[in-house]
């Protein structure tokens, strides 16, 4: 299988897709927007955007035949960036609208944010980078405590805490970014996070050029 030069942005109907594409292109991303599993399999890197519910997302991925393609790319060592729901469905299960299976690429479950504060969390909150986050190319040049933009009611309860690259405080300290070698994901929306978000997306584009 020949690897293509562009980054595949997965189009399964996510509402934030146009903004993600616009932001990636503004930082020099060479993109192919696609719902074709074979194009995803051949891409040199993959961006998986998302808004909404994990159940609806998984239904769309199954309908389009993208489930195995995403699993294969994640296991193949090519860079992957999941955004918001695109981070959550990497886990094994979700409790949103009743228990259901997700992609199962990472261990853990998607759980509801505690109701002590307003849910969903909508707006700016701080990114608390840990050692794993600071060491990863995705976060190069991003300061600890940077403000990023969230829209979510659920969070990732990871089975392996070593995958957590950053946390954010919203009643609980939840994982707001994860890294596992080539696999990266963020709970916040970089396409809505101003300079910090564009810097992160620029880091991702540069990383895909240097590691493939």
C-alpha atoms as a PDB file:
ATOM      1  CA  UNK A   1       0.000   0.000   0.000  1.00  0.00           C
ATOM      2  CA  UNK A   2       1.457   3.339  -1.061  1.00  0.00           C
ATOM      3  CA  UNK A   3       1.278   6.155   1.496  1.00  0.00           C
ATOM      4  CA  UNK A   4      -0.095   9.446   0.172  1.00  0.00           C
ATOM      5  CA  UNK A   5       1.470  12.818   0.935  1.00  0.00           C
ATOM      6  CA  UNK A   6      -1.592  14.545   2.377  1.00  0.00           C
ATOM      7  CA  UNK A   7      -3.196  14.528   5.811  1.00  0.00           C
ATOM      8  CA  UNK A   8      -6.620  12.834   5.807  1.00  0.00           C
ATOM      9  CA  UNK A   9      -9.280  14.775   7.705  1.00  0.00           C
ATOM     10  CA  UNK A  10     -12.056  12.299   8.436  1.00  0.00           C
ATOM     11  CA  UNK A  11     -15.462  13.479   7.200  1.00  0.00           C
ATOM     12  CA  UNK A  12     -18.193  11.535   8.954  1.00  0.00           C
ATOM     13  CA  UNK A  13     -20.530  14.515   9.391  1.00  0.00           C
ATOM     14  CA  UNK A  14     -18.930  16.260  12.386  1.00  0.00           C
ATOM     15  CA  UNK A  15     -20.149  19.824  12.791  1.00  0.00           C
ATOM     16  CA  UNK A  16     -16.709  21.271  13.446  1.00  0.00           C
ATOM     17  CA  UNK A  17     -15.183  19.837  10.256  1.00  0.00           C
ATOM     18  CA  UNK A  18     -15.145  23.100   8.206  1.00  0.00           C
ATOM     19  CA  UNK A  19     -13.459  25.070  10.995  1.00  0.00           C
ATOM     20  CA  UNK A  20     -10.861  22.335  11.559  1.00  0.00           C
ATOM     21  CA  UNK A  21     -10.081  22.209   7.829  1.00  0.00           C
ATOM     22  CA  UNK A  22      -9.808  25.993   7.623  1.00  0.00           C
ATOM     23  CA  UNK A  23      -7.488  26.156  10.628  1.00  0.00           C
ATOM     24  CA  UNK A  24      -5.237  23.340   9.384  1.00  0.00           C
ATOM     25  CA  UNK A  25      -4.911  24.913   5.953  1.00  0.00           C
ATOM     26  CA  UNK A  26      -4.052  28.267   7.533  1.00  0.00           C
ATOM     27  CA  UNK A  27      -0.987  26.651   9.156  1.00  0.00           C
ATOM     28  CA  UNK A  28       0.159  24.944   5.960  1.00  0.00           C
ATOM     29  CA  UNK A  29      -1.626  21.608   6.094  1.00  0.00           C
ATOM     30  CA  UNK A  30      -1.861  19.643   2.842  1.00  0.00           C
ATOM     31  CA  UNK A  31      -5.262  18.030   3.365  1.00  0.00           C
ATOM     32  CA  UNK A  32      -7.608  15.496   1.874  1.00  0.00           C
ATOM     33  CA  UNK A  33     -11.094  15.656   3.393  1.00  0.00           C
ATOM     34  CA  UNK A  34     -12.538  12.170   3.057  1.00  0.00           C
ATOM     35  CA  UNK A  35     -15.051   9.569   4.203  1.00  0.00           C
ATOM     36  CA  UNK A  36     -13.304   6.847   2.197  1.00  0.00           C
ATOM     37  CA  UNK A  37     -11.684   4.175   4.420  1.00  0.00           C
ATOM     38  CA  UNK A  38      -9.055   3.388   1.786  1.00  0.00           C
ATOM     39  CA  UNK A  39      -7.977   7.042   1.586  1.00  0.00           C
ATOM     40  CA  UNK A  40      -7.680   7.098   5.380  1.00  0.00           C
ATOM     41  CA  UNK A  41      -5.568   3.950   5.279  1.00  0.00           C
ATOM     42  CA  UNK A  42      -3.152   5.498   2.750  1.00  0.00           C
ATOM     43  CA  UNK A  43      -2.815   8.918   4.406  1.00  0.00           C
ATOM     44  CA  UNK A  44       0.509   9.931   5.952  1.00  0.00           C
ATOM     45  CA  UNK A  45      -1.430  11.299   8.943  1.00  0.00           C
ATOM     46  CA  UNK A  46      -5.041  11.519  10.108  1.00  0.00           C
ATOM     47  CA  UNK A  47      -7.072  14.203  11.879  1.00  0.00           C
ATOM     48  CA  UNK A  48     -10.293  12.994  13.464  1.00  0.00           C
ATOM     49  CA  UNK A  49     -12.536  15.946  14.440  1.00  0.00           C
ATOM     50  CA  UNK A  50     -15.715  15.676  16.432  1.00  0.00           C
ATOM     51  CA  UNK A  51     -18.616  17.304  18.196  1.00  0.00           C
ATOM     52  CA  UNK A  52     -21.772  15.744  19.602  1.00  0.00           C
ATOM     53  CA  UNK A  53     -22.352  12.307  21.084  1.00  0.00           C
ATOM     54  CA  UNK A  54     -20.061   9.284  21.006  1.00  0.00           C
ATOM     55  CA  UNK A  55     -22.946   6.950  20.113  1.00  0.00           C
ATOM     56  CA  UNK A  56     -23.884   8.982  17.025  1.00  0.00           C
ATOM     57  CA  UNK A  57     -20.218   9.219  16.052  1.00  0.00           C
ATOM     58  CA  UNK A  58     -19.708   5.470  16.303  1.00  0.00           C
ATOM     59  CA  UNK A  59     -22.894   4.827  14.312  1.00  0.00           C
ATOM     60  CA  UNK A  60     -21.540   7.055  11.528  1.00  0.00           C
ATOM     61  CA  UNK A  61     -18.108   5.396  11.589  1.00  0.00           C
ATOM     62  CA  UNK A  62     -19.656   1.940  11.311  1.00  0.00           C
ATOM     63  CA  UNK A  63     -21.980   3.047   8.504  1.00  0.00           C
ATOM     64  CA  UNK A  64     -19.056   4.469   6.508  1.00  0.00           C
ATOM     65  CA  UNK A  65     -16.749   1.530   7.172  1.00  0.00           C
ATOM     66  CA  UNK A  66     -14.207   3.718   8.944  1.00  0.00           C
ATOM     67  CA  UNK A  67     -13.831   1.819  12.206  1.00  0.00           C
ATOM     68  CA  UNK A  68     -11.180  -0.647  11.061  1.00  0.00           C
ATOM     69  CA  UNK A  69      -9.389   1.981   8.966  1.00  0.00           C
ATOM     70  CA  UNK A  70      -8.932   4.230  12.011  1.00  0.00           C
ATOM     71  CA  UNK A  71      -7.742   1.314  14.128  1.00  0.00           C
ATOM     72  CA  UNK A  72      -5.230   0.309  11.467  1.00  0.00           C
ATOM     73  CA  UNK A  73      -3.767   3.797  11.092  1.00  0.00           C
ATOM     74  CA  UNK A  74      -3.463   4.217  14.864  1.00  0.00           C
ATOM     75  CA  UNK A  75      -1.601   0.911  15.099  1.00  0.00           C
ATOM     76  CA  UNK A  76       0.600   1.616  12.086  1.00  0.00           C
ATOM     77  CA  UNK A  77       2.697   4.389  13.636  1.00  0.00           C
ATOM     78  CA  UNK A  78       1.449   7.302  11.551  1.00  0.00           C
ATOM     79  CA  UNK A  79       0.473  10.547  13.330  1.00  0.00           C
ATOM     80  CA  UNK A  80      -3.145  10.780  14.439  1.00  0.00           C
ATOM     81  CA  UNK A  81      -4.874  13.745  16.098  1.00  0.00           C
ATOM     82  CA  UNK A  82      -8.306  13.295  17.666  1.00  0.00           C
ATOM     83  CA  UNK A  83     -10.301  16.395  18.579  1.00  0.00           C
ATOM     84  CA  UNK A  84     -13.065  16.498  21.242  1.00  0.00           C
ATOM     85  CA  UNK A  85     -15.351  13.534  20.439  1.00  0.00           C
ATOM     86  CA  UNK A  86     -12.484  12.372  18.237  1.00  0.00           C
ATOM     87  CA  UNK A  87     -10.544  11.898  21.484  1.00  0.00           C
ATOM     88  CA  UNK A  88     -13.381  10.221  23.362  1.00  0.00           C
ATOM     89  CA  UNK A  89     -14.153   7.497  20.818  1.00  0.00           C
ATOM     90  CA  UNK A  90     -10.548   6.275  20.993  1.00  0.00           C
ATOM     91  CA  UNK A  91     -11.501   4.620  24.289  1.00  0.00           C
ATOM     92  CA  UNK A  92     -13.189   1.252  24.812  1.00  0.00           C
ATOM     93  CA  UNK A  93     -16.642   2.315  25.973  1.00  0.00           C
ATOM     94  CA  UNK A  94     -18.857   5.326  26.614  1.00  0.00           C
ATOM     95  CA  UNK A  95     -21.767   5.818  28.998  1.00  0.00           C
ATOM     96  CA  UNK A  96     -23.284   8.680  26.958  1.00  0.00           C
ATOM     97  CA  UNK A  97     -26.945   7.846  26.167  1.00  0.00           C
ATOM     98  CA  UNK A  98     -26.410   4.354  27.535  1.00  0.00           C
ATOM     99  CA  UNK A  99     -23.329   2.094  27.534  1.00  0.00           C
ATOM    100  CA  UNK A 100     -21.845   1.335  24.124  1.00  0.00           C
ATOM    101  CA  UNK A 101     -18.559   0.348  22.535  1.00  0.00           C
ATOM    102  CA  UNK A 102     -16.134   2.823  20.990  1.00  0.00           C
ATOM    103  CA  UNK A 103     -13.011   2.206  18.894  1.00  0.00           C
ATOM    104  CA  UNK A 104     -11.124   0.458  21.686  1.00  0.00           C
ATOM    105  CA  UNK A 105      -7.744   1.820  20.609  1.00  0.00           C
ATOM    106  CA  UNK A 106      -7.050   2.915  24.194  1.00  0.00           C
ATOM    107  CA  UNK A 107      -8.248   1.473  27.476  1.00  0.00           C
ATOM    108  CA  UNK A 108     -10.831   3.392  29.447  1.00  0.00           C
ATOM    109  CA  UNK A 109     -14.359   4.756  29.435  1.00  0.00           C
ATOM    110  CA  UNK A 110     -16.078   8.023  28.555  1.00  0.00           C
ATOM    111  CA  UNK A 111     -17.940   9.355  31.605  1.00  0.00           C
ATOM    112  CA  UNK A 112     -20.184  12.297  32.427  1.00  0.00           C
ATOM    113  CA  UNK A 113     -18.692  15.410  33.990  1.00  0.00           C
ATOM    114  CA  UNK A 114     -19.906  15.899  37.575  1.00  0.00           C
ATOM    115  CA  UNK A 115     -22.900  18.220  37.857  1.00  0.00           C
ATOM    116  CA  UNK A 116     -21.370  20.425  40.564  1.00  0.00           C
ATOM    117  CA  UNK A 117     -20.636  23.003  37.866  1.00  0.00           C
ATOM    118  CA  UNK A 118     -22.619  23.899  34.766  1.00  0.00           C
ATOM    119  CA  UNK A 119     -22.645  21.070  32.232  1.00  0.00           C
ATOM    120  CA  UNK A 120     -21.772  21.178  29.416  1.00  0.00           C
ATOM    121  CA  UNK A 121     -18.555  23.053  29.995  1.00  0.00           C
ATOM    122  CA  UNK A 122     -18.568  25.747  27.323  1.00  0.00           C
ATOM    123  CA  UNK A 123     -15.773  28.272  27.144  1.00  0.00           C
ATOM    124  CA  UNK A 124     -12.144  28.876  28.041  1.00  0.00           C
ATOM    125  CA  UNK A 125     -10.217  26.887  30.602  1.00  0.00           C
ATOM    126  CA  UNK A 126      -6.568  26.251  31.355  1.00  0.00           C
ATOM    127  CA  UNK A 127      -4.334  23.523  30.017  1.00  0.00           C
ATOM    128  CA  UNK A 128      -2.088  22.013  32.690  1.00  0.00           C
ATOM    129  CA  UNK A 129       0.721  20.258  30.835  1.00  0.00           C
ATOM    130  CA  UNK A 130       2.643  17.461  32.521  1.00  0.00           C
ATOM    131  CA  UNK A 131       6.027  16.000  31.621  1.00  0.00           C
ATOM    132  CA  UNK A 132       4.587  13.761  28.890  1.00  0.00           C
ATOM    133  CA  UNK A 133       2.871  16.722  27.284  1.00  0.00           C
ATOM    134  CA  UNK A 134       5.867  19.039  27.458  1.00  0.00           C
ATOM    135  CA  UNK A 135       8.060  16.369  25.845  1.00  0.00           C
ATOM    136  CA  UNK A 136       5.777  15.724  22.873  1.00  0.00           C
ATOM    137  CA  UNK A 137       6.155  17.628  19.554  1.00  0.00           C
ATOM    138  CA  UNK A 138       2.423  18.457  19.550  1.00  0.00           C
ATOM    139  CA  UNK A 139       2.907  20.848  22.489  1.00  0.00           C
ATOM    140  CA  UNK A 140       6.218  22.407  21.525  1.00  0.00           C
ATOM    141  CA  UNK A 141       6.127  26.120  22.359  1.00  0.00           C
ATOM    142  CA  UNK A 142       2.793  25.925  24.204  1.00  0.00           C
ATOM    143  CA  UNK A 143       2.987  27.349  27.696  1.00  0.00           C
ATOM    144  CA  UNK A 144       1.653  25.596  30.754  1.00  0.00           C
ATOM    145  CA  UNK A 145      -1.585  27.294  31.812  1.00  0.00           C
ATOM    146  CA  UNK A 146      -2.556  28.302  28.277  1.00  0.00           C
ATOM    147  CA  UNK A 147      -6.242  29.020  27.780  1.00  0.00           C
ATOM    148  CA  UNK A 148      -8.069  26.747  25.341  1.00  0.00           C
ATOM    149  CA  UNK A 149     -11.729  26.420  24.356  1.00  0.00           C
ATOM    150  CA  UNK A 150     -13.967  23.551  25.471  1.00  0.00           C
ATOM    151  CA  UNK A 151     -17.466  22.373  24.572  1.00  0.00           C
ATOM    152  CA  UNK A 152     -18.239  19.033  26.242  1.00  0.00           C
ATOM    153  CA  UNK A 153     -20.322  17.177  28.811  1.00  0.00           C
ATOM    154  CA  UNK A 154     -18.210  14.013  29.001  1.00  0.00           C
ATOM    155  CA  UNK A 155     -14.557  13.256  29.645  1.00  0.00           C
ATOM    156  CA  UNK A 156     -12.064  10.419  29.156  1.00  0.00           C
ATOM    157  CA  UNK A 157     -11.415   8.191  32.160  1.00  0.00           C
ATOM    158  CA  UNK A 158      -8.211   6.556  30.901  1.00  0.00           C
ATOM    159  CA  UNK A 159      -7.117   3.140  32.122  1.00  0.00           C
ATOM    160  CA  UNK A 160      -3.442   4.145  31.848  1.00  0.00           C
ATOM    161  CA  UNK A 161      -2.670   7.500  33.470  1.00  0.00           C
ATOM    162  CA  UNK A 162       0.719   7.551  31.740  1.00  0.00           C
ATOM    163  CA  UNK A 163      -1.077   8.503  28.511  1.00  0.00           C
ATOM    164  CA  UNK A 164      -2.287  11.796  29.980  1.00  0.00           C
ATOM    165  CA  UNK A 165      -0.411  14.779  28.533  1.00  0.00           C
ATOM    166  CA  UNK A 166      -2.483  17.547  30.115  1.00  0.00           C
ATOM    167  CA  UNK A 167      -5.342  17.990  32.542  1.00  0.00           C
ATOM    168  CA  UNK A 168      -7.937  20.685  33.127  1.00  0.00           C
ATOM    169  CA  UNK A 169      -9.860  21.492  36.307  1.00  0.00           C
ATOM    170  CA  UNK A 170     -13.658  21.557  36.083  1.00  0.00           C
ATOM    171  CA  UNK A 171     -14.866  20.188  39.426  1.00  0.00           C
ATOM    172  CA  UNK A 172     -12.503  17.280  38.685  1.00  0.00           C
ATOM    173  CA  UNK A 173      -9.121  17.202  36.998  1.00  0.00           C
ATOM    174  CA  UNK A 174      -9.969  15.490  33.723  1.00  0.00           C
ATOM    175  CA  UNK A 175      -7.561  14.569  30.897  1.00  0.00           C
ATOM    176  CA  UNK A 176      -7.625  17.367  28.334  1.00  0.00           C
ATOM    177  CA  UNK A 177      -4.899  15.856  26.136  1.00  0.00           C
ATOM    178  CA  UNK A 178      -3.315  12.448  25.672  1.00  0.00           C
ATOM    179  CA  UNK A 179      -0.313  11.092  23.814  1.00  0.00           C
ATOM    180  CA  UNK A 180       0.806   7.577  22.979  1.00  0.00           C
ATOM    181  CA  UNK A 181       3.725   7.840  20.584  1.00  0.00           C
ATOM    182  CA  UNK A 182       2.053   8.606  17.220  1.00  0.00           C
ATOM    183  CA  UNK A 183      -1.432   8.837  18.721  1.00  0.00           C
ATOM    184  CA  UNK A 184      -2.483  12.224  20.101  1.00  0.00           C
ATOM    185  CA  UNK A 185      -5.825  13.705  21.099  1.00  0.00           C
ATOM    186  CA  UNK A 186      -7.255  16.779  22.780  1.00  0.00           C
ATOM    187  CA  UNK A 187     -10.585  17.309  24.524  1.00  0.00           C
ATOM    188  CA  UNK A 188     -10.606  21.014  23.670  1.00  0.00           C
ATOM    189  CA  UNK A 189     -11.144  22.588  20.255  1.00  0.00           C
ATOM    190  CA  UNK A 190      -7.854  23.912  18.830  1.00  0.00           C
ATOM    191  CA  UNK A 191      -9.745  25.410  15.893  1.00  0.00           C
ATOM    192  CA  UNK A 192     -11.532  27.681  18.406  1.00  0.00           C
ATOM    193  CA  UNK A 193      -8.567  28.280  20.730  1.00  0.00           C
ATOM    194  CA  UNK A 194      -6.965  31.306  19.083  1.00  0.00           C
ATOM    195  CA  UNK A 195      -3.195  31.502  18.761  1.00  0.00           C
ATOM    196  CA  UNK A 196      -2.589  28.570  21.085  1.00  0.00           C
ATOM    197  CA  UNK A 197      -4.845  26.302  19.062  1.00  0.00           C
ATOM    198  CA  UNK A 198      -3.328  27.337  15.753  1.00  0.00           C
ATOM    199  CA  UNK A 199       0.138  26.800  17.210  1.00  0.00           C
ATOM    200  CA  UNK A 200      -0.823  23.267  18.226  1.00  0.00           C
ATOM    201  CA  UNK A 201      -2.229  22.510  14.771  1.00  0.00           C
ATOM    202  CA  UNK A 202       0.914  23.948  13.216  1.00  0.00           C
ATOM    203  CA  UNK A 203       2.964  21.652  15.435  1.00  0.00           C
ATOM    204  CA  UNK A 204       0.921  18.700  14.224  1.00  0.00           C
ATOM    205  CA  UNK A 205       1.426  19.608  10.561  1.00  0.00           C
ATOM    206  CA  UNK A 206       5.183  20.049  11.092  1.00  0.00           C
ATOM    207  CA  UNK A 207       5.393  16.775  13.029  1.00  0.00           C
ATOM    208  CA  UNK A 208       3.719  14.870  10.186  1.00  0.00           C
ATOM    209  CA  UNK A 209       6.343  16.240   7.810  1.00  0.00           C
ATOM    210  CA  UNK A 210       9.300  15.222   9.957  1.00  0.00           C
ATOM    211  CA  UNK A 211       8.241  11.771  11.145  1.00  0.00           C
ATOM    212  CA  UNK A 212       7.060  10.263   7.856  1.00  0.00           C
END
